[in-house]
Every structure is written in structure tokens, then in C-alpha cells.
Amino acid sequence: MNNTIMRQINVTAAYQPLVADPLVATVTISCPPTNAGVVYFLGDDGSDVPWQQGQWETLHRVDLSSIQIKGTVGDTIVLVGGTW
């Protein structure tokens, strides 16, 4: 079954997964240009990977529960895609 995914996720000061339960999808993740600061993604080697305001990337067939983010409280990221 194919499902559309459209979510706005609030950033917290500590790392949190994009979704709580496993969900494999192809999505475009964007950091709105109105964010106050960078959003950090937890790299596969444990490093902080900064995404700047206005940055966006498309990820294909990834488990969204394995991607973790942190940053400035009040900032957001946007997910748009689907499970196809």
C-alpha cells in the first residue's frame, strides 16, 4: 500500500527520531528558511551533521525512525513524500 507522508516536526534540544515507529519511505526533508538556527542530524558515525536554514534533501527508501535530529527549540523540519 502506498501512503503519502506530509509532516512538520518540531526540533528539540536533544536528539529525537523523525518518527517513533519504523517507517520506510522516500521523502524530501527540508529546513525552513525561517528557522532560527541549524538543525543537526546524527551522522552514521555519531557526528553532528548541520543542515542550514533553507536546505533540503531527498532520501530514497530510508527508515525514518533511524534518522535523529536536534537543534534550536521552536525550529521545525518538513517531510514530504511517501511509502512507494
PDB file of N, CA and C in Angstrom:
ATOM      1  N   MET A   1       0.841  -1.173   0.000  1.00  0.00           N
ATOM      2  CA  MET A   1       0.000   0.000   0.000  1.00  0.00           C
ATOM      3  C   MET A   1       0.892   1.243   0.000  1.00  0.00           C
ATOM      4  N   ASN A   2       0.561   2.202  -0.824  1.00  0.00           N
ATOM      5  CA  ASN A   2       1.294   3.455  -0.900  1.00  0.00           C
ATOM      6  C   ASN A   2       0.576   4.524  -0.090  1.00  0.00           C
ATOM      7  N   ASN A   3       1.332   5.249   0.718  1.00  0.00           N
ATOM      8  CA  ASN A   3       0.765   6.303   1.548  1.00  0.00           C
ATOM      9  C   ASN A   3       1.563   7.583   1.381  1.00  0.00           C
ATOM     10  N   THR A   4       0.868   8.689   1.344  1.00  0.00           N
ATOM     11  CA  THR A   4       1.513   9.997   1.291  1.00  0.00           C
ATOM     12  C   THR A   4       1.900  10.409   2.707  1.00  0.00           C
ATOM     13  N   ILE A   5       3.084  11.004   2.828  1.00  0.00           N
ATOM     14  CA  ILE A   5       3.568  11.490   4.122  1.00  0.00           C
ATOM     15  C   ILE A   5       3.798  12.988   4.003  1.00  0.00           C
ATOM     16  N   MET A   6       3.158  13.755   4.873  1.00  0.00           N
ATOM     17  CA  MET A   6       3.378  15.197   4.970  1.00  0.00           C
ATOM     18  C   MET A   6       3.355  15.552   6.447  1.00  0.00           C
ATOM     19  N   ARG A   7       4.513  15.955   6.968  1.00  0.00           N
ATOM     20  CA  ARG A   7       4.609  16.237   8.403  1.00  0.00           C
ATOM     21  C   ARG A   7       5.505  17.443   8.653  1.00  0.00           C
ATOM     22  N   GLN A   8       5.139  18.176   9.675  1.00  0.00           N
ATOM     23  CA  GLN A   8       6.012  19.206  10.221  1.00  0.00           C
ATOM     24  C   GLN A   8       6.449  18.690  11.589  1.00  0.00           C
ATOM     25  N   ILE A   9       7.744  18.641  11.830  1.00  0.00           N
ATOM     26  CA  ILE A   9       8.276  18.080  13.068  1.00  0.00           C
ATOM     27  C   ILE A   9       8.992  19.175  13.839  1.00  0.00           C
ATOM     28  N   ASN A  10       8.652  19.316  15.113  1.00  0.00           N
ATOM     29  CA  ASN A  10       9.302  20.296  15.974  1.00  0.00           C
ATOM     30  C   ASN A  10      10.659  19.778  16.415  1.00  0.00           C
ATOM     31  N   VAL A  11      11.650  20.654  16.364  1.00  0.00           N
ATOM     32  CA  VAL A  11      13.007  20.314  16.770  1.00  0.00           C
ATOM     33  C   VAL A  11      13.127  20.492  18.285  1.00  0.00           C
ATOM     34  N   THR A  12      13.866  19.591  18.925  1.00  0.00           N
ATOM     35  CA  THR A  12      14.126  19.697  20.360  1.00  0.00           C
ATOM     36  C   THR A  12      15.632  19.846  20.585  1.00  0.00           C
ATOM     37  N   ALA A  13      16.016  20.154  21.818  1.00  0.00           N
ATOM     38  CA  ALA A  13      17.428  20.360  22.140  1.00  0.00           C
ATOM     39  C   ALA A  13      18.215  19.049  22.202  1.00  0.00           C
ATOM     40  N   ALA A  14      17.522  17.924  22.402  1.00  0.00           N
ATOM     41  CA  ALA A  14      18.170  16.608  22.436  1.00  0.00           C
ATOM     42  C   ALA A  14      17.765  15.824  21.191  1.00  0.00           C
ATOM     43  N   TYR A  15      18.620  14.891  20.798  1.00  0.00           N
ATOM     44  CA  TYR A  15      18.294  14.089  19.620  1.00  0.00           C
ATOM     45  C   TYR A  15      16.982  13.338  19.810  1.00  0.00           C
ATOM     46  N   GLN A  16      16.173  13.314  18.741  1.00  0.00           N
ATOM     47  CA  GLN A  16      14.921  12.567  18.695  1.00  0.00           C
ATOM     48  C   GLN A  16      14.782  11.981  17.300  1.00  0.00           C
ATOM     49  N   PRO A  17      14.151  10.793  17.170  1.00  0.00           N
ATOM     50  CA  PRO A  17      13.927  10.236  15.834  1.00  0.00           C
ATOM     51  C   PRO A  17      12.844  11.024  15.093  1.00  0.00           C
ATOM     52  N   LEU A  18      12.892  10.997  13.774  1.00  0.00           N
ATOM     53  CA  LEU A  18      11.864  11.675  12.979  1.00  0.00           C
ATOM     54  C   LEU A  18      10.489  11.089  13.238  1.00  0.00           C
ATOM     55  N   VAL A  19      10.400   9.768  13.399  1.00  0.00           N
ATOM     56  CA  VAL A  19       9.142   9.093  13.733  1.00  0.00           C
ATOM     57  C   VAL A  19       9.431   8.042  14.794  1.00  0.00           C
ATOM     58  N   ALA A  20       8.441   7.713  15.594  1.00  0.00           N
ATOM     59  CA  ALA A  20       8.640   6.787  16.707  1.00  0.00           C
ATOM     60  C   ALA A  20       8.760   5.328  16.264  1.00  0.00           C
ATOM     61  N   ASP A  21       7.978   4.927  15.284  1.00  0.00           N
ATOM     62  CA  ASP A  21       7.957   3.533  14.829  1.00  0.00           C
ATOM     63  C   ASP A  21       8.604   3.414  13.459  1.00  0.00           C
ATOM     64  N   PRO A  22       9.170   2.247  13.126  1.00  0.00           N
ATOM     65  CA  PRO A  22       9.776   2.072  11.816  1.00  0.00           C
ATOM     66  C   PRO A  22       8.816   2.465  10.683  1.00  0.00           C
ATOM     67  N   LEU A  23       9.321   3.231   9.732  1.00  0.00           N
ATOM     68  CA  LEU A  23       8.536   3.675   8.577  1.00  0.00           C
ATOM     69  C   LEU A  23       9.503   3.911   7.425  1.00  0.00           C
ATOM     70  N   VAL A  24       9.491   3.007   6.445  1.00  0.00           N
ATOM     71  CA  VAL A  24      10.372   3.135   5.283  1.00  0.00           C
ATOM     72  C   VAL A  24       9.655   3.952   4.225  1.00  0.00           C
ATOM     73  N   ALA A  25      10.332   5.013   3.761  1.00  0.00           N
ATOM     74  CA  ALA A  25       9.697   5.929   2.813  1.00  0.00           C
ATOM     75  C   ALA A  25      10.755   6.653   1.993  1.00  0.00           C
ATOM     76  N   THR A  26      10.299   7.254   0.921  1.00  0.00           N
ATOM     77  CA  THR A  26      11.101   8.190   0.135  1.00  0.00           C
ATOM     78  C   THR A  26      10.543   9.569   0.433  1.00  0.00           C
ATOM     79  N   VAL A  27      11.393  10.461   0.953  1.00  0.00           N
ATOM     80  CA  VAL A  27      10.923  11.771   1.401  1.00  0.00           C
ATOM     81  C   VAL A  27      11.917  12.862   1.031  1.00  0.00           C
ATOM     82  N   THR A  28      11.375  14.058   0.900  1.00  0.00           N
ATOM     83  CA  THR A  28      12.202  15.255   0.865  1.00  0.00           C
ATOM     84  C   THR A  28      12.108  15.869   2.251  1.00  0.00           C
ATOM     85  N   ILE A  29      13.259  16.081   2.870  1.00  0.00           N
ATOM     86  CA  ILE A  29      13.338  16.703   4.184  1.00  0.00           C
ATOM     87  C   ILE A  29      13.842  18.120   3.972  1.00  0.00           C
ATOM     88  N   SER A  30      13.134  19.094   4.532  1.00  0.00           N
ATOM     89  CA  SER A  30      13.576  20.481   4.374  1.00  0.00           C
ATOM     90  C   SER A  30      13.607  21.197   5.715  1.00  0.00           C
ATOM     91  N   CYS A  31      14.548  22.116   5.820  1.00  0.00           N
ATOM     92  CA  CYS A  31      14.676  23.002   6.978  1.00  0.00           C
ATOM     93  C   CYS A  31      14.188  24.371   6.515  1.00  0.00           C
ATOM     94  N   PRO A  32      13.054  24.833   7.018  1.00  0.00           N
ATOM     95  CA  PRO A  32      12.512  26.103   6.547  1.00  0.00           C
ATOM     96  C   PRO A  32      13.510  27.259   6.704  1.00  0.00           C
ATOM     97  N   PRO A  33      13.494  28.194   5.772  1.00  0.00           N
ATOM     98  CA  PRO A  33      14.404  29.348   5.864  1.00  0.00           C
ATOM     99  C   PRO A  33      14.095  30.245   7.056  1.00  0.00           C
ATOM    100  N   THR A  34      12.937  30.058   7.677  1.00  0.00           N
ATOM    101  CA  THR A  34      12.560  30.865   8.840  1.00  0.00           C
ATOM    102  C   THR A  34      13.090  30.297  10.159  1.00  0.00           C
ATOM    103  N   ASN A  35      13.748  29.127  10.121  1.00  0.00           N
ATOM    104  CA  ASN A  35      14.334  28.578  11.347  1.00  0.00           C
ATOM    105  C   ASN A  35      15.351  29.544  11.919  1.00  0.00           C
ATOM    106  N   ALA A  36      15.487  29.552  13.245  1.00  0.00           N
ATOM    107  CA  ALA A  36      16.437  30.440  13.922  1.00  0.00           C
ATOM    108  C   ALA A  36      17.872  29.935  13.833  1.00  0.00           C
ATOM    109  N   GLY A  37      18.039  28.627  13.719  1.00  0.00           N
ATOM    110  CA  GLY A  37      19.386  28.058  13.690  1.00  0.00           C
ATOM    111  C   GLY A  37      19.452  26.846  12.798  1.00  0.00           C
ATOM    112  N   VAL A  38      20.619  26.195  12.813  1.00  0.00           N
ATOM    113  CA  VAL A  38      20.786  24.973  12.023  1.00  0.00           C
ATOM    114  C   VAL A  38      20.089  23.824  12.736  1.00  0.00           C
ATOM    115  N   VAL A  39      19.745  22.801  11.981  1.00  0.00           N
ATOM    116  CA  VAL A  39      19.214  21.560  12.536  1.00  0.00           C
ATOM    117  C   VAL A  39      20.322  20.529  12.370  1.00  0.00           C
ATOM    118  N   TYR A  40      20.613  19.812  13.448  1.00  0.00           N
ATOM    119  CA  TYR A  40      21.662  18.795  13.411  1.00  0.00           C
ATOM    120  C   TYR A  40      21.047  17.425  13.232  1.00  0.00           C
ATOM    121  N   PHE A  41      21.582  16.681  12.274  1.00  0.00           N
ATOM    122  CA  PHE A  41      21.215  15.292  12.060  1.00  0.00           C
ATOM    123  C   PHE A  41      22.350  14.447  12.633  1.00  0.00           C
ATOM    124  N   LEU A  42      21.999  13.339  13.295  1.00  0.00           N
ATOM    125  CA  LEU A  42      23.007  12.456  13.860  1.00  0.00           C
ATOM    126  C   LEU A  42      23.581  11.606  12.737  1.00  0.00           C
ATOM    127  N   GLY A  43      24.864  11.799  12.459  1.00  0.00           N
ATOM    128  CA  GLY A  43      25.528  11.072  11.387  1.00  0.00           C
ATOM    129  C   GLY A  43      25.713   9.601  11.719  1.00  0.00           C
ATOM    130  N   ASP A  44      25.946   8.793  10.704  1.00  0.00           N
ATOM    131  CA  ASP A  44      26.112   7.353  10.908  1.00  0.00           C
ATOM    132  C   ASP A  44      27.348   7.023  11.739  1.00  0.00           C
ATOM    133  N   ASP A  45      28.277   7.982  11.864  1.00  0.00           N
ATOM    134  CA  ASP A  45      29.471   7.785  12.691  1.00  0.00           C
ATOM    135  C   ASP A  45      29.350   8.482  14.046  1.00  0.00           C
ATOM    136  N   GLY A  46      28.152   8.998  14.369  1.00  0.00           N
ATOM    137  CA  GLY A  46      27.922   9.666  15.647  1.00  0.00           C
ATOM    138  C   GLY A  46      28.185  11.163  15.637  1.00  0.00           C
ATOM    139  N   SER A  47      28.582  11.697  14.483  1.00  0.00           N
ATOM    140  CA  SER A  47      28.880  13.126  14.394  1.00  0.00           C
ATOM    141  C   SER A  47      27.609  13.944  14.179  1.00  0.00           C
ATOM    142  N   ASP A  48      27.684  15.237  14.517  1.00  0.00           N
ATOM    143  CA  ASP A  48      26.598  16.181  14.224  1.00  0.00           C
ATOM    144  C   ASP A  48      26.739  16.650  12.779  1.00  0.00           C
ATOM    145  N   VAL A  49      25.681  16.512  11.999  1.00  0.00           N
ATOM    146  CA  VAL A  49      25.694  16.956  10.602  1.00  0.00           C
ATOM    147  C   VAL A  49      24.728  18.135  10.490  1.00  0.00           C
ATOM    148  N   PRO A  50      25.253  19.368  10.329  1.00  0.00           N
ATOM    149  CA  PRO A  50      24.383  20.543  10.322  1.00  0.00           C
ATOM    150  C   PRO A  50      23.702  20.747   8.975  1.00  0.00           C
ATOM    151  N   TRP A  51      22.404  21.039   9.042  1.00  0.00           N
ATOM    152  CA  TRP A  51      21.643  21.456   7.866  1.00  0.00           C
ATOM    153  C   TRP A  51      21.258  22.909   8.090  1.00  0.00           C
ATOM    154  N   GLN A  52      21.556  23.741   7.118  1.00  0.00           N
ATOM    155  CA  GLN A  52      21.300  25.174   7.209  1.00  0.00           C
ATOM    156  C   GLN A  52      19.840  25.496   6.916  1.00  0.00           C
ATOM    157  N   GLN A  53      19.415  26.660   7.343  1.00  0.00           N
ATOM    158  CA  GLN A  53      18.073  27.135   7.017  1.00  0.00           C
ATOM    159  C   GLN A  53      17.933  27.144   5.495  1.00  0.00           C
ATOM    160  N   GLY A  54      16.825  26.614   5.010  1.00  0.00           N
ATOM    161  CA  GLY A  54      16.568  26.561   3.575  1.00  0.00           C
ATOM    162  C   GLY A  54      17.122  25.325   2.886  1.00  0.00           C
ATOM    163  N   GLN A  55      17.905  24.520   3.574  1.00  0.00           N
ATOM    164  CA  GLN A  55      18.474  23.316   2.958  1.00  0.00           C
ATOM    165  C   GLN A  55      17.424  22.217   2.859  1.00  0.00           C
ATOM    166  N   TRP A  56      17.482  21.448   1.797  1.00  0.00           N
ATOM    167  CA  TRP A  56      16.577  20.315   1.622  1.00  0.00           C
ATOM    168  C   TRP A  56      17.306  19.211   0.879  1.00  0.00           C
ATOM    169  N   GLU A  57      16.911  17.985   1.148  1.00  0.00           N
ATOM    170  CA  GLU A  57      17.499  16.803   0.510  1.00  0.00           C
ATOM    171  C   GLU A  57      16.407  15.759   0.342  1.00  0.00           C
ATOM    172  N   THR A  58      16.511  14.959  -0.716  1.00  0.00           N
ATOM    173  CA  THR A  58      15.596  13.846  -0.931  1.00  0.00           C
ATOM    174  C   THR A  58      16.318  12.556  -0.568  1.00  0.00           C
ATOM    175  N   LEU A  59      15.683  11.751   0.259  1.00  0.00           N
ATOM    176  CA  LEU A  59      16.229  10.460   0.677  1.00  0.00           C
ATOM    177  C   LEU A  59      15.300   9.368   0.175  1.00  0.00           C
ATOM    178  N   HIS A  60      15.886   8.327  -0.414  1.00  0.00           N
ATOM    179  CA  HIS A  60      15.110   7.251  -1.036  1.00  0.00           C
ATOM    180  C   HIS A  60      15.092   6.010  -0.161  1.00  0.00           C
ATOM    181  N   ARG A  61      13.876   5.522   0.129  1.00  0.00           N
ATOM    182  CA  ARG A  61      13.661   4.261   0.844  1.00  0.00           C
ATOM    183  C   ARG A  61      14.505   4.161   2.116  1.00  0.00           C
ATOM    184  N   VAL A  62      14.306   5.108   3.024  1.00  0.00           N
ATOM    185  CA  VAL A  62      15.004   5.111   4.307  1.00  0.00           C
ATOM    186  C   VAL A  62      14.008   4.880   5.440  1.00  0.00           C
ATOM    187  N   ASP A  63      14.487   4.294   6.526  1.00  0.00           N
ATOM    188  CA  ASP A  63      13.664   4.115   7.721  1.00  0.00           C
ATOM    189  C   ASP A  63      13.722   5.419   8.508  1.00  0.00           C
ATOM    190  N   LEU A  64      12.627   6.146   8.520  1.00  0.00           N
ATOM    191  CA  LEU A  64      12.593   7.464   9.161  1.00  0.00           C
ATOM    192  C   LEU A  64      12.830   7.383  10.662  1.00  0.00           C
ATOM    193  N   SER A  65      12.566   6.223  11.282  1.00  0.00           N
ATOM    194  CA  SER A  65      12.809   6.090  12.719  1.00  0.00           C
ATOM    195  C   SER A  65      14.301   5.999  13.042  1.00  0.00           C
ATOM    196  N   SER A  66      15.127   5.758  12.035  1.00  0.00           N
ATOM    197  CA  SER A  66      16.580   5.667  12.265  1.00  0.00           C
ATOM    198  C   SER A  66      17.284   7.016  12.091  1.00  0.00           C
ATOM    199  N   ILE A  67      16.556   8.042  11.668  1.00  0.00           N
ATOM    200  CA  ILE A  67      17.128   9.382  11.476  1.00  0.00           C
ATOM    201  C   ILE A  67      16.786  10.223  12.690  1.00  0.00           C
ATOM    202  N   GLN A  68      17.826  10.793  13.313  1.00  0.00           N
ATOM    203  CA  GLN A  68      17.617  11.595  14.513  1.00  0.00           C
ATOM    204  C   GLN A  68      18.061  13.033  14.281  1.00  0.00           C
ATOM    205  N   ILE A  69      17.311  13.971  14.898  1.00  0.00           N
ATOM    206  CA  ILE A  69      17.594  15.400  14.748  1.00  0.00           C
ATOM    207  C   ILE A  69      17.591  16.100  16.098  1.00  0.00           C
ATOM    208  N   LYS A  70      18.267  17.242  16.146  1.00  0.00           N
ATOM    209  CA  LYS A  70      18.202  18.148  17.291  1.00  0.00           C
ATOM    210  C   LYS A  70      18.534  19.540  16.780  1.00  0.00           C
ATOM    211  N   GLY A  71      18.287  20.541  17.613  1.00  0.00           N
ATOM    212  CA  GLY A  71      18.604  21.905  17.208  1.00  0.00           C
ATOM    213  C   GLY A  71      17.987  22.911  18.143  1.00  0.00           C
ATOM    214  N   THR A  72      17.603  24.037  17.577  1.00  0.00           N
ATOM    215  CA  THR A  72      17.015  25.132  18.332  1.00  0.00           C
ATOM    216  C   THR A  72      15.538  24.859  18.587  1.00  0.00           C
ATOM    217  N   VAL A  73      15.165  24.851  19.858  1.00  0.00           N
ATOM    218  CA  VAL A  73      13.761  24.631  20.216  1.00  0.00           C
ATOM    219  C   VAL A  73      12.909  25.703  19.531  1.00  0.00           C
ATOM    220  N   GLY A  74      11.821  25.282  18.918  1.00  0.00           N
ATOM    221  CA  GLY A  74      10.949  26.185  18.176  1.00  0.00           C
ATOM    222  C   GLY A  74      11.145  26.099  16.675  1.00  0.00           C
ATOM    223  N   ASP A  75      12.295  25.581  16.227  1.00  0.00           N
ATOM    224  CA  ASP A  75      12.514  25.358  14.801  1.00  0.00           C
ATOM    225  C   ASP A  75      11.788  24.090  14.371  1.00  0.00           C
ATOM    226  N   THR A  76      11.635  23.901  13.088  1.00  0.00           N
ATOM    227  CA  THR A  76      10.939  22.738  12.552  1.00  0.00           C
ATOM    228  C   THR A  76      11.686  22.170  11.356  1.00  0.00           C
ATOM    229  N   ILE A  77      11.315  20.961  10.980  1.00  0.00           N
ATOM    230  CA  ILE A  77      11.665  20.414   9.666  1.00  0.00           C
ATOM    231  C   ILE A  77      10.363  19.951   9.046  1.00  0.00           C
ATOM    232  N   VAL A  78      10.364  19.826   7.724  1.00  0.00           N
ATOM    233  CA  VAL A  78       9.180  19.392   6.992  1.00  0.00           C
ATOM    234  C   VAL A  78       9.551  18.146   6.190  1.00  0.00           C
ATOM    235  N   LEU A  79       8.686  17.122   6.277  1.00  0.00           N
ATOM    236  CA  LEU A  79       8.816  15.895   5.494  1.00  0.00           C
ATOM    237  C   LEU A  79       7.704  15.828   4.481  1.00  0.00           C
ATOM    238  N   VAL A  80       8.036  15.544   3.224  1.00  0.00           N
ATOM    239  CA  VAL A  80       7.023  15.333   2.186  1.00  0.00           C
ATOM    240  C   VAL A  80       7.491  14.176   1.338  1.00  0.00           C
ATOM    241  N   GLY A  81       6.638  13.180   1.180  1.00  0.00           N
ATOM    242  CA  GLY A  81       6.998  12.029   0.368  1.00  0.00           C
ATOM    243  C   GLY A  81       5.963  10.946   0.483  1.00  0.00           C
ATOM    244  N   GLY A  82       6.437   9.697   0.456  1.00  0.00           N
ATOM    245  CA  GLY A  82       5.506   8.598   0.545  1.00  0.00           C
ATOM    246  C   GLY A  82       6.195   7.252   0.692  1.00  0.00           C
ATOM    247  N   THR A  83       5.379   6.209   0.832  1.00  0.00           N
ATOM    248  CA  THR A  83       5.896   4.861   1.058  1.00  0.00           C
ATOM    249  C   THR A  83       5.963   4.053  -0.232  1.00  0.00           C
ATOM    250  N   TRP A  84       6.036   4.680  -1.368  1.00  0.00           N
ATOM    251  CA  TRP A  84       6.106   3.939  -2.629  1.00  0.00           C
ATOM    252  C   TRP A  84       7.516   3.500  -2.929  1.00  0.00           C
TER     253      TRP A  84
END
